[in-house]
Amino acid sequence: MSKETRGLIAFLRCMSRPWSKELGWRGCARDLITAQLEVIPGVLLLGLIWGVWHLTLVFMPATGHGELGFKLTSFWTFTLYNMAISLLMT
């Protein structure tokens, strides 16, 4: 398999897994939230919602979030990361 083909497969895997889902719902939600709030506060709120949505994963040991073992520290770190990523994605 050529280097270009491997790169294309890696790109498609990345886009078809979590990123396609995140971009889809975030695009819709961002428009609804920023219609009510300024862009920056709205995007930060969206990042907070994104983190809270994944809260239960922190307490499930079989998930990537749960494997970290930090419980709520892991949750807040993940949530702050999501808030930063929300700003970048917007």
PDB file of N, CA and C in Angstrom:
ATOM      1  N   MET A   1       0.846  -1.167   0.000  1.00  0.00           N
ATOM      2  CA  MET A   1       0.000   0.000   0.000  1.00  0.00           C
ATOM      3  C   MET A   1       0.899   1.240   0.000  1.00  0.00           C
ATOM      4  N   SER A   2       0.547   2.208  -0.817  1.00  0.00           N
ATOM      5  CA  SER A   2       1.385   3.397  -0.940  1.00  0.00           C
ATOM      6  C   SER A   2       1.226   4.314   0.275  1.00  0.00           C
ATOM      7  N   LYS A   3       2.177   5.201   0.424  1.00  0.00           N
ATOM      8  CA  LYS A   3       2.156   6.161   1.539  1.00  0.00           C
ATOM      9  C   LYS A   3       0.925   7.075   1.431  1.00  0.00           C
ATOM     10  N   GLU A   4       0.583   7.476   0.211  1.00  0.00           N
ATOM     11  CA  GLU A   4      -0.575   8.353   0.007  1.00  0.00           C
ATOM     12  C   GLU A   4      -1.874   7.642   0.379  1.00  0.00           C
ATOM     13  N   THR A   5      -1.974   6.371   0.012  1.00  0.00           N
ATOM     14  CA  THR A   5      -3.174   5.599   0.334  1.00  0.00           C
ATOM     15  C   THR A   5      -3.318   5.427   1.842  1.00  0.00           C
ATOM     16  N   ARG A   6      -2.206   5.137   2.537  1.00  0.00           N
ATOM     17  CA  ARG A   6      -2.260   5.004   3.996  1.00  0.00           C
ATOM     18  C   ARG A   6      -2.677   6.316   4.636  1.00  0.00           C
ATOM     19  N   GLY A   7      -2.159   7.414   4.105  1.00  0.00           N
ATOM     20  CA  GLY A   7      -2.526   8.727   4.639  1.00  0.00           C
ATOM     21  C   GLY A   7      -4.001   9.027   4.432  1.00  0.00           C
ATOM     22  N   LEU A   8      -4.520   8.682   3.253  1.00  0.00           N
ATOM     23  CA  LEU A   8      -5.935   8.903   2.972  1.00  0.00           C
ATOM     24  C   LEU A   8      -6.800   8.049   3.894  1.00  0.00           C
ATOM     25  N   ILE A   9      -6.432   6.809   4.110  1.00  0.00           N
ATOM     26  CA  ILE A   9      -7.189   5.928   5.001  1.00  0.00           C
ATOM     27  C   ILE A   9      -7.176   6.470   6.424  1.00  0.00           C
ATOM     28  N   ALA A  10      -6.029   6.945   6.877  1.00  0.00           N
ATOM     29  CA  ALA A  10      -5.934   7.519   8.229  1.00  0.00           C
ATOM     30  C   ALA A  10      -6.829   8.755   8.350  1.00  0.00           C
ATOM     31  N   PHE A  11      -6.828   9.596   7.326  1.00  0.00           N
ATOM     32  CA  PHE A  11      -7.662  10.801   7.326  1.00  0.00           C
ATOM     33  C   PHE A  11      -9.145  10.426   7.375  1.00  0.00           C
ATOM     34  N   LEU A  12      -9.546   9.470   6.551  1.00  0.00           N
ATOM     35  CA  LEU A  12     -10.955   9.062   6.519  1.00  0.00           C
ATOM     36  C   LEU A  12     -11.388   8.428   7.836  1.00  0.00           C
ATOM     37  N   ARG A  13     -10.502   7.656   8.458  1.00  0.00           N
ATOM     38  CA  ARG A  13     -10.827   7.075   9.766  1.00  0.00           C
ATOM     39  C   ARG A  13     -11.040   8.170  10.802  1.00  0.00           C
ATOM     40  N   CYS A  14     -10.158   9.157  10.780  1.00  0.00           N
ATOM     41  CA  CYS A  14     -10.272  10.266  11.728  1.00  0.00           C
ATOM     42  C   CYS A  14     -11.581  11.023  11.520  1.00  0.00           C
ATOM     43  N   MET A  15     -11.932  11.280  10.278  1.00  0.00           N
ATOM     44  CA  MET A  15     -13.132  12.059   9.992  1.00  0.00           C
ATOM     45  C   MET A  15     -14.410  11.258  10.202  1.00  0.00           C
ATOM     46  N   SER A  16     -14.338   9.953  10.104  1.00  0.00           N
ATOM     47  CA  SER A  16     -15.553   9.156  10.230  1.00  0.00           C
ATOM     48  C   SER A  16     -15.833   8.733  11.659  1.00  0.00           C
ATOM     49  N   ARG A  17     -14.920   8.928  12.533  1.00  0.00           N
ATOM     50  CA  ARG A  17     -15.137   8.515  13.926  1.00  0.00           C
ATOM     51  C   ARG A  17     -15.654   9.694  14.729  1.00  0.00           C
ATOM     52  N   PRO A  18     -14.981  10.121  15.762  1.00  0.00           N
ATOM     53  CA  PRO A  18     -15.606  11.146  16.610  1.00  0.00           C
ATOM     54  C   PRO A  18     -15.734  12.507  15.956  1.00  0.00           C
ATOM     55  N   TRP A  19     -14.814  12.864  15.082  1.00  0.00           N
ATOM     56  CA  TRP A  19     -14.836  14.227  14.555  1.00  0.00           C
ATOM     57  C   TRP A  19     -16.076  14.523  13.735  1.00  0.00           C
ATOM     58  N   SER A  20     -16.537  13.571  12.937  1.00  0.00           N
ATOM     59  CA  SER A  20     -17.723  13.843  12.133  1.00  0.00           C
ATOM     60  C   SER A  20     -18.940  14.078  13.031  1.00  0.00           C
ATOM     61  N   LYS A  21     -19.059  13.298  14.086  1.00  0.00           N
ATOM     62  CA  LYS A  21     -20.165  13.475  15.035  1.00  0.00           C
ATOM     63  C   LYS A  21     -20.047  14.818  15.744  1.00  0.00           C
ATOM     64  N   GLU A  22     -18.857  15.117  16.236  1.00  0.00           N
ATOM     65  CA  GLU A  22     -18.671  16.365  16.977  1.00  0.00           C
ATOM     66  C   GLU A  22     -18.926  17.581  16.095  1.00  0.00           C
ATOM     67  N   LEU A  23     -18.414  17.563  14.885  1.00  0.00           N
ATOM     68  CA  LEU A  23     -18.627  18.693  13.987  1.00  0.00           C
ATOM     69  C   LEU A  23     -20.100  18.843  13.634  1.00  0.00           C
ATOM     70  N   GLY A  24     -20.806  17.735  13.503  1.00  0.00           N
ATOM     71  CA  GLY A  24     -22.223  17.786  13.139  1.00  0.00           C
ATOM     72  C   GLY A  24     -23.091  18.427  14.216  1.00  0.00           C
ATOM     73  N   TRP A  25     -23.033  17.891  15.430  1.00  0.00           N
ATOM     74  CA  TRP A  25     -23.896  18.444  16.466  1.00  0.00           C
ATOM     75  C   TRP A  25     -23.427  19.810  16.926  1.00  0.00           C
ATOM     76  N   ARG A  26     -22.106  20.028  16.912  1.00  0.00           N
ATOM     77  CA  ARG A  26     -21.587  21.329  17.340  1.00  0.00           C
ATOM     78  C   ARG A  26     -21.992  22.432  16.378  1.00  0.00           C
ATOM     79  N   GLY A  27     -22.015  22.115  15.099  1.00  0.00           N
ATOM     80  CA  GLY A  27     -22.415  23.122  14.115  1.00  0.00           C
ATOM     81  C   GLY A  27     -23.834  23.598  14.348  1.00  0.00           C
ATOM     82  N   CYS A  28     -24.716  22.679  14.637  1.00  0.00           N
ATOM     83  CA  CYS A  28     -26.115  23.021  14.904  1.00  0.00           C
ATOM     84  C   CYS A  28     -26.251  23.734  16.248  1.00  0.00           C
ATOM     85  N   ALA A  29     -25.645  23.172  17.280  1.00  0.00           N
ATOM     86  CA  ALA A  29     -25.763  23.736  18.626  1.00  0.00           C
ATOM     87  C   ALA A  29     -25.119  25.117  18.720  1.00  0.00           C
ATOM     88  N   ARG A  30     -23.976  25.295  18.051  1.00  0.00           N
ATOM     89  CA  ARG A  30     -23.301  26.596  18.112  1.00  0.00           C
ATOM     90  C   ARG A  30     -24.194  27.694  17.563  1.00  0.00           C
ATOM     91  N   ASP A  31     -24.860  27.425  16.466  1.00  0.00           N
ATOM     92  CA  ASP A  31     -25.744  28.435  15.888  1.00  0.00           C
ATOM     93  C   ASP A  31     -26.889  28.783  16.838  1.00  0.00           C
ATOM     94  N   LEU A  32     -27.459  27.770  17.491  1.00  0.00           N
ATOM     95  CA  LEU A  32     -28.553  28.025  18.434  1.00  0.00           C
ATOM     96  C   LEU A  32     -28.087  28.802  19.657  1.00  0.00           C
ATOM     97  N   ILE A  33     -26.922  28.431  20.186  1.00  0.00           N
ATOM     98  CA  ILE A  33     -26.410  29.097  21.394  1.00  0.00           C
ATOM     99  C   ILE A  33     -25.947  30.517  21.085  1.00  0.00           C
ATOM    100  N   THR A  34     -25.226  30.699  19.986  1.00  0.00           N
ATOM    101  CA  THR A  34     -24.712  32.037  19.682  1.00  0.00           C
ATOM    102  C   THR A  34     -25.805  32.978  19.176  1.00  0.00           C
ATOM    103  N   ALA A  35     -26.990  32.450  18.875  1.00  0.00           N
ATOM    104  CA  ALA A  35     -28.122  33.323  18.571  1.00  0.00           C
ATOM    105  C   ALA A  35     -28.618  34.003  19.850  1.00  0.00           C
ATOM    106  N   GLN A  36     -28.350  33.364  21.001  1.00  0.00           N
ATOM    107  CA  GLN A  36     -28.789  33.900  22.293  1.00  0.00           C
ATOM    108  C   GLN A  36     -27.679  34.636  23.043  1.00  0.00           C
ATOM    109  N   LEU A  37     -26.429  34.228  22.817  1.00  0.00           N
ATOM    110  CA  LEU A  37     -25.276  34.792  23.526  1.00  0.00           C
ATOM    111  C   LEU A  37     -24.269  35.344  22.526  1.00  0.00           C
ATOM    112  N   GLU A  38     -23.311  36.106  23.022  1.00  0.00           N
ATOM    113  CA  GLU A  38     -22.172  36.508  22.197  1.00  0.00           C
ATOM    114  C   GLU A  38     -21.399  35.261  21.792  1.00  0.00           C
ATOM    115  N   VAL A  39     -20.561  35.385  20.789  1.00  0.00           N
ATOM    116  CA  VAL A  39     -19.866  34.215  20.249  1.00  0.00           C
ATOM    117  C   VAL A  39     -18.963  33.548  21.294  1.00  0.00           C
ATOM    118  N   ILE A  40     -18.082  34.291  21.928  1.00  0.00           N
ATOM    119  CA  ILE A  40     -17.122  33.692  22.865  1.00  0.00           C
ATOM    120  C   ILE A  40     -17.832  33.031  24.055  1.00  0.00           C
ATOM    121  N   PRO A  41     -18.725  33.715  24.775  1.00  0.00           N
ATOM    122  CA  PRO A  41     -19.424  33.035  25.863  1.00  0.00           C
ATOM    123  C   PRO A  41     -20.246  31.833  25.376  1.00  0.00           C
ATOM    124  N   GLY A  42     -20.850  31.964  24.214  1.00  0.00           N
ATOM    125  CA  GLY A  42     -21.627  30.856  23.669  1.00  0.00           C
ATOM    126  C   GLY A  42     -20.780  29.639  23.358  1.00  0.00           C
ATOM    127  N   VAL A  43     -19.614  29.877  22.776  1.00  0.00           N
ATOM    128  CA  VAL A  43     -18.712  28.776  22.440  1.00  0.00           C
ATOM    129  C   VAL A  43     -18.155  28.132  23.706  1.00  0.00           C
ATOM    130  N   LEU A  44     -17.837  28.926  24.712  1.00  0.00           N
ATOM    131  CA  LEU A  44     -17.367  28.372  25.983  1.00  0.00           C
ATOM    132  C   LEU A  44     -18.464  27.553  26.664  1.00  0.00           C
ATOM    133  N   LEU A  45     -19.702  28.026  26.598  1.00  0.00           N
ATOM    134  CA  LEU A  45     -20.824  27.257  27.137  1.00  0.00           C
ATOM    135  C   LEU A  45     -20.971  25.935  26.382  1.00  0.00           C
ATOM    136  N   LEU A  46     -20.794  25.968  25.090  1.00  0.00           N
ATOM    137  CA  LEU A  46     -20.866  24.745  24.292  1.00  0.00           C
ATOM    138  C   LEU A  46     -19.777  23.756  24.704  1.00  0.00           C
ATOM    139  N   GLY A  47     -18.569  24.246  24.982  1.00  0.00           N
ATOM    140  CA  GLY A  47     -17.496  23.386  25.474  1.00  0.00           C
ATOM    141  C   GLY A  47     -17.830  22.779  26.824  1.00  0.00           C
ATOM    142  N   LEU A  48     -18.478  23.564  27.685  1.00  0.00           N
ATOM    143  CA  LEU A  48     -18.906  23.061  28.989  1.00  0.00           C
ATOM    144  C   LEU A  48     -19.957  21.961  28.818  1.00  0.00           C
ATOM    145  N   ILE A  49     -20.912  22.194  27.940  1.00  0.00           N
ATOM    146  CA  ILE A  49     -21.934  21.179  27.658  1.00  0.00           C
ATOM    147  C   ILE A  49     -21.282  19.911  27.116  1.00  0.00           C
ATOM    148  N   TRP A  50     -20.324  20.072  26.254  1.00  0.00           N
ATOM    149  CA  TRP A  50     -19.593  18.941  25.671  1.00  0.00           C
ATOM    150  C   TRP A  50     -18.925  18.129  26.781  1.00  0.00           C
ATOM    151  N   GLY A  51     -18.316  18.798  27.742  1.00  0.00           N
ATOM    152  CA  GLY A  51     -17.664  18.105  28.854  1.00  0.00           C
ATOM    153  C   GLY A  51     -18.658  17.399  29.760  1.00  0.00           C
ATOM    154  N   VAL A  52     -19.753  18.066  30.095  1.00  0.00           N
ATOM    155  CA  VAL A  52     -20.762  17.470  30.967  1.00  0.00           C
ATOM    156  C   VAL A  52     -21.395  16.246  30.302  1.00  0.00           C
ATOM    157  N   TRP A  53     -21.567  16.302  28.993  1.00  0.00           N
ATOM    158  CA  TRP A  53     -22.125  15.162  28.252  1.00  0.00           C
ATOM    159  C   TRP A  53     -21.270  13.905  28.465  1.00  0.00           C
ATOM    160  N   HIS A  54     -19.963  14.081  28.623  1.00  0.00           N
ATOM    161  CA  HIS A  54     -19.049  12.950  28.779  1.00  0.00           C
ATOM    162  C   HIS A  54     -18.745  12.622  30.249  1.00  0.00           C
ATOM    163  N   LEU A  55     -19.426  13.264  31.195  1.00  0.00           N
ATOM    164  CA  LEU A  55     -19.138  13.074  32.622  1.00  0.00           C
ATOM    165  C   LEU A  55     -19.218  11.610  33.043  1.00  0.00           C
ATOM    166  N   THR A  56     -20.211  10.895  32.590  1.00  0.00           N
ATOM    167  CA  THR A  56     -20.368   9.507  33.025  1.00  0.00           C
ATOM    168  C   THR A  56     -19.188   8.637  32.597  1.00  0.00           C
ATOM    169  N   LEU A  57     -18.523   8.979  31.506  1.00  0.00           N
ATOM    170  CA  LEU A  57     -17.386   8.182  31.038  1.00  0.00           C
ATOM    171  C   LEU A  57     -16.228   8.186  32.033  1.00  0.00           C
ATOM    172  N   VAL A  58     -16.118   9.240  32.822  1.00  0.00           N
ATOM    173  CA  VAL A  58     -15.039   9.351  33.802  1.00  0.00           C
ATOM    174  C   VAL A  58     -15.164   8.254  34.865  1.00  0.00           C
ATOM    175  N   PHE A  59     -16.379   7.841  35.153  1.00  0.00           N
ATOM    176  CA  PHE A  59     -16.611   6.849  36.200  1.00  0.00           C
ATOM    177  C   PHE A  59     -16.713   5.421  35.671  1.00  0.00           C
ATOM    178  N   MET A  60     -16.498   5.233  34.384  1.00  0.00           N
ATOM    179  CA  MET A  60     -16.524   3.895  33.786  1.00  0.00           C
ATOM    180  C   MET A  60     -15.091   3.453  33.510  1.00  0.00           C
ATOM    181  N   PRO A  61     -14.560   2.505  34.270  1.00  0.00           N
ATOM    182  CA  PRO A  61     -13.154   2.117  34.138  1.00  0.00           C
ATOM    183  C   PRO A  61     -12.774   1.579  32.754  1.00  0.00           C
ATOM    184  N   ALA A  62     -13.729   1.049  32.012  1.00  0.00           N
ATOM    185  CA  ALA A  62     -13.414   0.452  30.709  1.00  0.00           C
ATOM    186  C   ALA A  62     -13.279   1.482  29.591  1.00  0.00           C
ATOM    187  N   THR A  63     -13.505   2.762  29.875  1.00  0.00           N
ATOM    188  CA  THR A  63     -13.389   3.802  28.850  1.00  0.00           C
ATOM    189  C   THR A  63     -12.036   4.500  28.958  1.00  0.00           C
ATOM    190  N   GLY A  64     -11.680   5.206  27.916  1.00  0.00           N
ATOM    191  CA  GLY A  64     -10.430   5.961  27.930  1.00  0.00           C
ATOM    192  C   GLY A  64     -10.404   7.003  29.033  1.00  0.00           C
ATOM    193  N   HIS A  65     -11.538   7.638  29.275  1.00  0.00           N
ATOM    194  CA  HIS A  65     -11.620   8.634  30.343  1.00  0.00           C
ATOM    195  C   HIS A  65     -11.457   7.969  31.711  1.00  0.00           C
ATOM    196  N   GLY A  66     -12.090   6.826  31.891  1.00  0.00           N
ATOM    197  CA  GLY A  66     -12.031   6.117  33.160  1.00  0.00           C
ATOM    198  C   GLY A  66     -10.664   5.525  33.449  1.00  0.00           C
ATOM    199  N   GLU A  67      -9.949   5.146  32.399  1.00  0.00           N
ATOM    200  CA  GLU A  67      -8.617   4.567  32.574  1.00  0.00           C
ATOM    201  C   GLU A  67      -7.628   5.557  33.161  1.00  0.00           C
ATOM    202  N   LEU A  68      -7.886   6.836  32.986  1.00  0.00           N
ATOM    203  CA  LEU A  68      -6.982   7.840  33.557  1.00  0.00           C
ATOM    204  C   LEU A  68      -6.995   7.768  35.084  1.00  0.00           C
ATOM    205  N   GLY A  69      -8.148   7.417  35.661  1.00  0.00           N
ATOM    206  CA  GLY A  69      -8.233   7.196  37.092  1.00  0.00           C
ATOM    207  C   GLY A  69      -8.267   8.449  37.942  1.00  0.00           C
ATOM    208  N   PHE A  70      -8.444   9.614  37.345  1.00  0.00           N
ATOM    209  CA  PHE A  70      -8.429  10.845  38.126  1.00  0.00           C
ATOM    210  C   PHE A  70      -9.818  11.300  38.540  1.00  0.00           C
ATOM    211  N   LYS A  71     -10.836  10.607  38.110  1.00  0.00           N
ATOM    212  CA  LYS A  71     -12.232  10.913  38.410  1.00  0.00           C
ATOM    213  C   LYS A  71     -12.575  12.367  38.084  1.00  0.00           C
ATOM    214  N   LEU A  72     -12.939  13.173  39.071  1.00  0.00           N
ATOM    215  CA  LEU A  72     -13.401  14.529  38.772  1.00  0.00           C
ATOM    216  C   LEU A  72     -12.292  15.438  38.251  1.00  0.00           C
ATOM    217  N   THR A  73     -11.052  15.197  38.651  1.00  0.00           N
ATOM    218  CA  THR A  73      -9.947  15.981  38.101  1.00  0.00           C
ATOM    219  C   THR A  73      -9.854  15.738  36.597  1.00  0.00           C
ATOM    220  N   SER A  74     -10.013  14.498  36.203  1.00  0.00           N
ATOM    221  CA  SER A  74     -10.005  14.151  34.792  1.00  0.00           C
ATOM    222  C   SER A  74     -11.171  14.824  34.068  1.00  0.00           C
ATOM    223  N   PHE A  75     -12.330  14.842  34.705  1.00  0.00           N
ATOM    224  CA  PHE A  75     -13.499  15.477  34.103  1.00  0.00           C
ATOM    225  C   PHE A  75     -13.258  16.956  33.858  1.00  0.00           C
ATOM    226  N   TRP A  76     -12.752  17.663  34.865  1.00  0.00           N
ATOM    227  CA  TRP A  76     -12.545  19.102  34.701  1.00  0.00           C
ATOM    228  C   TRP A  76     -11.443  19.396  33.690  1.00  0.00           C
ATOM    229  N   THR A  77     -10.415  18.576  33.672  1.00  0.00           N
ATOM    230  CA  THR A  77      -9.360  18.748  32.673  1.00  0.00           C
ATOM    231  C   THR A  77      -9.938  18.554  31.274  1.00  0.00           C
ATOM    232  N   PHE A  78     -10.726  17.508  31.096  1.00  0.00           N
ATOM    233  CA  PHE A  78     -11.367  17.227  29.820  1.00  0.00           C
ATOM    234  C   PHE A  78     -12.308  18.365  29.425  1.00  0.00           C
ATOM    235  N   THR A  79     -13.065  18.886  30.385  1.00  0.00           N
ATOM    236  CA  THR A  79     -14.006  19.965  30.099  1.00  0.00           C
ATOM    237  C   THR A  79     -13.272  21.246  29.693  1.00  0.00           C
ATOM    238  N   LEU A  80     -12.213  21.595  30.403  1.00  0.00           N
ATOM    239  CA  LEU A  80     -11.428  22.779  30.015  1.00  0.00           C
ATOM    240  C   LEU A  80     -10.803  22.600  28.639  1.00  0.00           C
ATOM    241  N   TYR A  81     -10.343  21.392  28.358  1.00  0.00           N
ATOM    242  CA  TYR A  81      -9.811  21.077  27.022  1.00  0.00           C
ATOM    243  C   TYR A  81     -10.904  21.281  25.968  1.00  0.00           C
ATOM    244  N   ASN A  82     -12.115  20.804  26.245  1.00  0.00           N
ATOM    245  CA  ASN A  82     -13.208  20.953  25.296  1.00  0.00           C
ATOM    246  C   ASN A  82     -13.578  22.412  25.074  1.00  0.00           C
ATOM    247  N   MET A  83     -13.507  23.203  26.130  1.00  0.00           N
ATOM    248  CA  MET A  83     -13.802  24.621  25.992  1.00  0.00           C
ATOM    249  C   MET A  83     -12.758  25.294  25.099  1.00  0.00           C
ATOM    250  N   ALA A  84     -11.492  24.926  25.276  1.00  0.00           N
ATOM    251  CA  ALA A  84     -10.427  25.473  24.421  1.00  0.00           C
ATOM    252  C   ALA A  84     -10.587  25.010  22.980  1.00  0.00           C
ATOM    253  N   ILE A  85     -10.883  23.735  22.793  1.00  0.00           N
ATOM    254  CA  ILE A  85     -11.086  23.199  21.448  1.00  0.00           C
ATOM    255  C   ILE A  85     -12.295  23.855  20.787  1.00  0.00           C
ATOM    256  N   SER A  86     -13.321  24.147  21.562  1.00  0.00           N
ATOM    257  CA  SER A  86     -14.494  24.823  21.013  1.00  0.00           C
ATOM    258  C   SER A  86     -14.119  26.179  20.431  1.00  0.00           C
ATOM    259  N   LEU A  87     -13.268  26.893  21.146  1.00  0.00           N
ATOM    260  CA  LEU A  87     -12.804  28.185  20.639  1.00  0.00           C
ATOM    261  C   LEU A  87     -12.034  28.001  19.322  1.00  0.00           C
ATOM    262  N   LEU A  88     -11.161  27.023  19.293  1.00  0.00           N
ATOM    263  CA  LEU A  88     -10.379  26.781  18.083  1.00  0.00           C
ATOM    264  C   LEU A  88     -11.240  26.319  16.916  1.00  0.00           C
ATOM    265  N   MET A  89     -12.205  25.458  17.185  1.00  0.00           N
ATOM    266  CA  MET A  89     -13.069  24.957  16.123  1.00  0.00           C
ATOM    267  C   MET A  89     -13.962  26.045  15.560  1.00  0.00           C
ATOM    268  N   THR A  90     -14.305  27.027  16.378  1.00  0.00           N
ATOM    269  CA  THR A  90     -15.157  28.118  15.927  1.00  0.00           C
ATOM    270  C   THR A  90     -14.345  29.122  15.139  1.00  0.00           C
TER     271      THR A  90
END
